[in-house]
């Protein structure tokens, strides 16, 4: 059987697979041989770091992936936050990307949705902080 996905973990690093949290005691390379929902610890956003609306959306989608047993509750939060972000987005490219995120989540492709949301962290956050930075520089 050919590996579908291979990755290496360092000692003490965690991985979330199908709702289970695994940790390794030494450096290891894992091969997933079938389809599985997983998230590496380095991609996990802590609740304290969900400080912007886009990061909050990431956190909600991440919760769908990490806690599939809670997906009914979390999906409601996703829909509300996603709809609000689409409505307030001024940039058409951001709206288009958010539309794709919604389609991916609806198709249960949460990992790909997370990758797309991460692409919006910098551009959206830079735009939203630019007026504040300009005001500080002008003062």
C-alpha atoms as a PDB file:
ATOM      1  CA  UNK A   1       0.000   0.000   0.000  1.00  0.00           C
ATOM      2  CA  UNK A   2       1.462   3.345  -1.047  1.00  0.00           C
ATOM      3  CA  UNK A   3       1.555   6.184   1.490  1.00  0.00           C
ATOM      4  CA  UNK A   4      -0.846   9.034   0.717  1.00  0.00           C
ATOM      5  CA  UNK A   5       0.876  11.483   3.059  1.00  0.00           C
ATOM      6  CA  UNK A   6       4.271  11.432   4.797  1.00  0.00           C
ATOM      7  CA  UNK A   7       5.498  13.867   7.408  1.00  0.00           C
ATOM      8  CA  UNK A   8       8.041  14.018  10.211  1.00  0.00           C
ATOM      9  CA  UNK A   9       7.417  15.000  13.812  1.00  0.00           C
ATOM     10  CA  UNK A  10       9.949  16.097  16.416  1.00  0.00           C
ATOM     11  CA  UNK A  11      10.019  14.684  19.942  1.00  0.00           C
ATOM     12  CA  UNK A  12       7.096  16.046  21.941  1.00  0.00           C
ATOM     13  CA  UNK A  13       5.268  17.391  18.890  1.00  0.00           C
ATOM     14  CA  UNK A  14       1.545  16.713  18.575  1.00  0.00           C
ATOM     15  CA  UNK A  15      -0.667  15.830  15.640  1.00  0.00           C
ATOM     16  CA  UNK A  16      -4.454  15.780  15.548  1.00  0.00           C
ATOM     17  CA  UNK A  17      -5.835  12.857  13.501  1.00  0.00           C
ATOM     18  CA  UNK A  18      -9.573  12.266  13.110  1.00  0.00           C
ATOM     19  CA  UNK A  19     -10.255  14.026  16.415  1.00  0.00           C
ATOM     20  CA  UNK A  20      -7.536  12.175  18.364  1.00  0.00           C
ATOM     21  CA  UNK A  21      -4.472  13.965  19.733  1.00  0.00           C
ATOM     22  CA  UNK A  22      -1.230  12.034  19.314  1.00  0.00           C
ATOM     23  CA  UNK A  23       2.206  12.946  20.623  1.00  0.00           C
ATOM     24  CA  UNK A  24       5.541  11.306  19.912  1.00  0.00           C
ATOM     25  CA  UNK A  25       8.386  10.728  22.353  1.00  0.00           C
ATOM     26  CA  UNK A  26      11.127  10.838  19.725  1.00  0.00           C
ATOM     27  CA  UNK A  27      11.618  12.050  16.184  1.00  0.00           C
ATOM     28  CA  UNK A  28       9.480   9.973  13.850  1.00  0.00           C
ATOM     29  CA  UNK A  29       8.257   9.907  10.268  1.00  0.00           C
ATOM     30  CA  UNK A  30       4.633   8.929   9.810  1.00  0.00           C
ATOM     31  CA  UNK A  31       2.893   7.718   6.686  1.00  0.00           C
ATOM     32  CA  UNK A  32      -0.867   7.933   6.424  1.00  0.00           C
ATOM     33  CA  UNK A  33      -1.974   5.105   4.173  1.00  0.00           C
ATOM     34  CA  UNK A  34      -5.591   6.132   3.814  1.00  0.00           C
ATOM     35  CA  UNK A  35      -7.715   9.262   3.948  1.00  0.00           C
ATOM     36  CA  UNK A  36      -7.639  10.926   7.361  1.00  0.00           C
ATOM     37  CA  UNK A  37      -8.428  14.347   8.763  1.00  0.00           C
ATOM     38  CA  UNK A  38      -5.281  15.674  10.405  1.00  0.00           C
ATOM     39  CA  UNK A  39      -3.666  18.876  11.542  1.00  0.00           C
ATOM     40  CA  UNK A  40      -0.057  19.371  12.582  1.00  0.00           C
ATOM     41  CA  UNK A  41       0.528  21.189  15.853  1.00  0.00           C
ATOM     42  CA  UNK A  42       2.373  23.991  14.029  1.00  0.00           C
ATOM     43  CA  UNK A  43      -0.861  24.834  12.188  1.00  0.00           C
ATOM     44  CA  UNK A  44      -3.032  24.886  15.311  1.00  0.00           C
ATOM     45  CA  UNK A  45      -4.132  28.376  16.298  1.00  0.00           C
ATOM     46  CA  UNK A  46      -4.644  28.878  20.027  1.00  0.00           C
ATOM     47  CA  UNK A  47      -7.805  30.689  21.142  1.00  0.00           C
ATOM     48  CA  UNK A  48      -5.691  33.536  22.568  1.00  0.00           C
ATOM     49  CA  UNK A  49      -4.214  34.097  19.093  1.00  0.00           C
ATOM     50  CA  UNK A  50      -7.612  34.394  17.384  1.00  0.00           C
ATOM     51  CA  UNK A  51      -7.403  38.178  17.644  1.00  0.00           C
ATOM     52  CA  UNK A  52      -8.810  39.202  14.249  1.00  0.00           C
ATOM     53  CA  UNK A  53     -12.015  38.161  12.462  1.00  0.00           C
ATOM     54  CA  UNK A  54     -10.019  36.144   9.888  1.00  0.00           C
ATOM     55  CA  UNK A  55      -8.096  34.328  12.620  1.00  0.00           C
ATOM     56  CA  UNK A  56     -11.396  33.669  14.411  1.00  0.00           C
ATOM     57  CA  UNK A  57     -12.716  32.089  11.219  1.00  0.00           C
ATOM     58  CA  UNK A  58      -9.580  29.947  11.052  1.00  0.00           C
ATOM     59  CA  UNK A  59     -10.095  28.892  14.673  1.00  0.00           C
ATOM     60  CA  UNK A  60     -13.703  27.863  13.987  1.00  0.00           C
ATOM     61  CA  UNK A  61     -12.752  25.837  10.889  1.00  0.00           C
ATOM     62  CA  UNK A  62      -9.862  24.311  12.827  1.00  0.00           C
ATOM     63  CA  UNK A  63     -12.389  23.230  15.469  1.00  0.00           C
ATOM     64  CA  UNK A  64     -14.373  21.415  12.787  1.00  0.00           C
ATOM     65  CA  UNK A  65     -11.244  19.456  11.922  1.00  0.00           C
ATOM     66  CA  UNK A  66      -9.980  18.772  15.439  1.00  0.00           C
ATOM     67  CA  UNK A  67     -13.361  18.035  17.071  1.00  0.00           C
ATOM     68  CA  UNK A  68     -15.540  16.388  14.425  1.00  0.00           C
ATOM     69  CA  UNK A  69     -17.948  15.172  17.122  1.00  0.00           C
ATOM     70  CA  UNK A  70     -18.871  18.819  17.807  1.00  0.00           C
ATOM     71  CA  UNK A  71     -19.377  19.744  14.148  1.00  0.00           C
ATOM     72  CA  UNK A  72     -23.098  20.440  14.528  1.00  0.00           C
ATOM     73  CA  UNK A  73     -22.506  23.240  17.047  1.00  0.00           C
ATOM     74  CA  UNK A  74     -19.384  24.569  15.362  1.00  0.00           C
ATOM     75  CA  UNK A  75     -20.952  24.676  11.887  1.00  0.00           C
ATOM     76  CA  UNK A  76     -23.527  27.192  13.111  1.00  0.00           C
ATOM     77  CA  UNK A  77     -20.752  29.458  14.399  1.00  0.00           C
ATOM     78  CA  UNK A  78     -18.888  29.049  11.105  1.00  0.00           C
ATOM     79  CA  UNK A  79     -21.924  30.057   9.027  1.00  0.00           C
ATOM     80  CA  UNK A  80     -22.578  33.203  11.084  1.00  0.00           C
ATOM     81  CA  UNK A  81     -18.956  34.358  11.113  1.00  0.00           C
ATOM     82  CA  UNK A  82     -18.380  33.469   7.455  1.00  0.00           C
ATOM     83  CA  UNK A  83     -21.509  35.328   6.332  1.00  0.00           C
ATOM     84  CA  UNK A  84     -20.541  38.401   8.361  1.00  0.00           C
ATOM     85  CA  UNK A  85     -17.029  38.433   6.878  1.00  0.00           C
ATOM     86  CA  UNK A  86     -18.347  38.124   3.333  1.00  0.00           C
ATOM     87  CA  UNK A  87     -20.739  41.030   3.946  1.00  0.00           C
ATOM     88  CA  UNK A  88     -18.097  43.390   5.339  1.00  0.00           C
ATOM     89  CA  UNK A  89     -15.266  42.461   2.953  1.00  0.00           C
ATOM     90  CA  UNK A  90     -14.534  45.446   0.716  1.00  0.00           C
ATOM     91  CA  UNK A  91     -12.003  43.684  -1.486  1.00  0.00           C
ATOM     92  CA  UNK A  92     -13.475  41.472  -4.245  1.00  0.00           C
ATOM     93  CA  UNK A  93     -10.509  39.085  -4.101  1.00  0.00           C
ATOM     94  CA  UNK A  94     -11.116  38.551  -0.382  1.00  0.00           C
ATOM     95  CA  UNK A  95     -14.840  37.980  -1.019  1.00  0.00           C
ATOM     96  CA  UNK A  96     -13.995  35.449  -3.728  1.00  0.00           C
ATOM     97  CA  UNK A  97     -11.563  33.613  -1.450  1.00  0.00           C
ATOM     98  CA  UNK A  98     -14.121  33.578   1.363  1.00  0.00           C
ATOM     99  CA  UNK A  99     -16.633  32.120  -1.086  1.00  0.00           C
ATOM    100  CA  UNK A 100     -14.183  29.320  -1.880  1.00  0.00           C
ATOM    101  CA  UNK A 101     -13.654  28.759   1.857  1.00  0.00           C
ATOM    102  CA  UNK A 102     -17.416  28.350   2.293  1.00  0.00           C
ATOM    103  CA  UNK A 103     -17.556  25.864  -0.589  1.00  0.00           C
ATOM    104  CA  UNK A 104     -14.656  23.848   0.841  1.00  0.00           C
ATOM    105  CA  UNK A 105     -16.177  23.678   4.312  1.00  0.00           C
ATOM    106  CA  UNK A 106     -19.534  22.643   2.822  1.00  0.00           C
ATOM    107  CA  UNK A 107     -17.715  19.874   0.920  1.00  0.00           C
ATOM    108  CA  UNK A 108     -16.026  18.758   4.191  1.00  0.00           C
ATOM    109  CA  UNK A 109     -12.594  19.787   2.882  1.00  0.00           C
ATOM    110  CA  UNK A 110     -11.608  21.681   6.010  1.00  0.00           C
ATOM    111  CA  UNK A 111      -7.835  21.286   5.649  1.00  0.00           C
ATOM    112  CA  UNK A 112      -7.919  23.030   2.265  1.00  0.00           C
ATOM    113  CA  UNK A 113     -10.201  25.714   3.732  1.00  0.00           C
ATOM    114  CA  UNK A 114      -7.635  26.366   6.470  1.00  0.00           C
ATOM    115  CA  UNK A 115      -4.887  26.791   3.877  1.00  0.00           C
ATOM    116  CA  UNK A 116      -7.004  29.377   2.039  1.00  0.00           C
ATOM    117  CA  UNK A 117      -7.866  31.281   5.210  1.00  0.00           C
ATOM    118  CA  UNK A 118      -4.158  31.493   6.113  1.00  0.00           C
ATOM    119  CA  UNK A 119      -3.550  33.286   2.799  1.00  0.00           C
ATOM    120  CA  UNK A 120      -5.922  35.996   4.015  1.00  0.00           C
ATOM    121  CA  UNK A 121      -4.184  36.601   7.354  1.00  0.00           C
ATOM    122  CA  UNK A 122      -1.540  39.011   6.107  1.00  0.00           C
ATOM    123  CA  UNK A 123      -3.360  40.922   3.344  1.00  0.00           C
ATOM    124  CA  UNK A 124      -6.538  41.553   5.342  1.00  0.00           C
ATOM    125  CA  UNK A 125      -4.752  42.276   8.605  1.00  0.00           C
ATOM    126  CA  UNK A 126      -2.312  44.649   6.914  1.00  0.00           C
ATOM    127  CA  UNK A 127      -5.179  46.588   5.340  1.00  0.00           C
ATOM    128  CA  UNK A 128      -7.150  46.792   8.571  1.00  0.00           C
ATOM    129  CA  UNK A 129      -4.138  48.043  10.570  1.00  0.00           C
ATOM    130  CA  UNK A 130      -2.918  50.523   7.918  1.00  0.00           C
ATOM    131  CA  UNK A 131      -5.303  53.361   8.933  1.00  0.00           C
ATOM    132  CA  UNK A 132      -4.336  52.923  12.574  1.00  0.00           C
ATOM    133  CA  UNK A 133      -0.625  53.010  11.708  1.00  0.00           C
ATOM    134  CA  UNK A 134      -1.123  56.117   9.559  1.00  0.00           C
ATOM    135  CA  UNK A 135      -2.919  57.855  12.412  1.00  0.00           C
ATOM    136  CA  UNK A 136      -0.105  57.015  14.810  1.00  0.00           C
ATOM    137  CA  UNK A 137       2.533  58.290  12.367  1.00  0.00           C
ATOM    138  CA  UNK A 138       0.600  61.505  11.758  1.00  0.00           C
ATOM    139  CA  UNK A 139       0.397  62.258  15.505  1.00  0.00           C
END
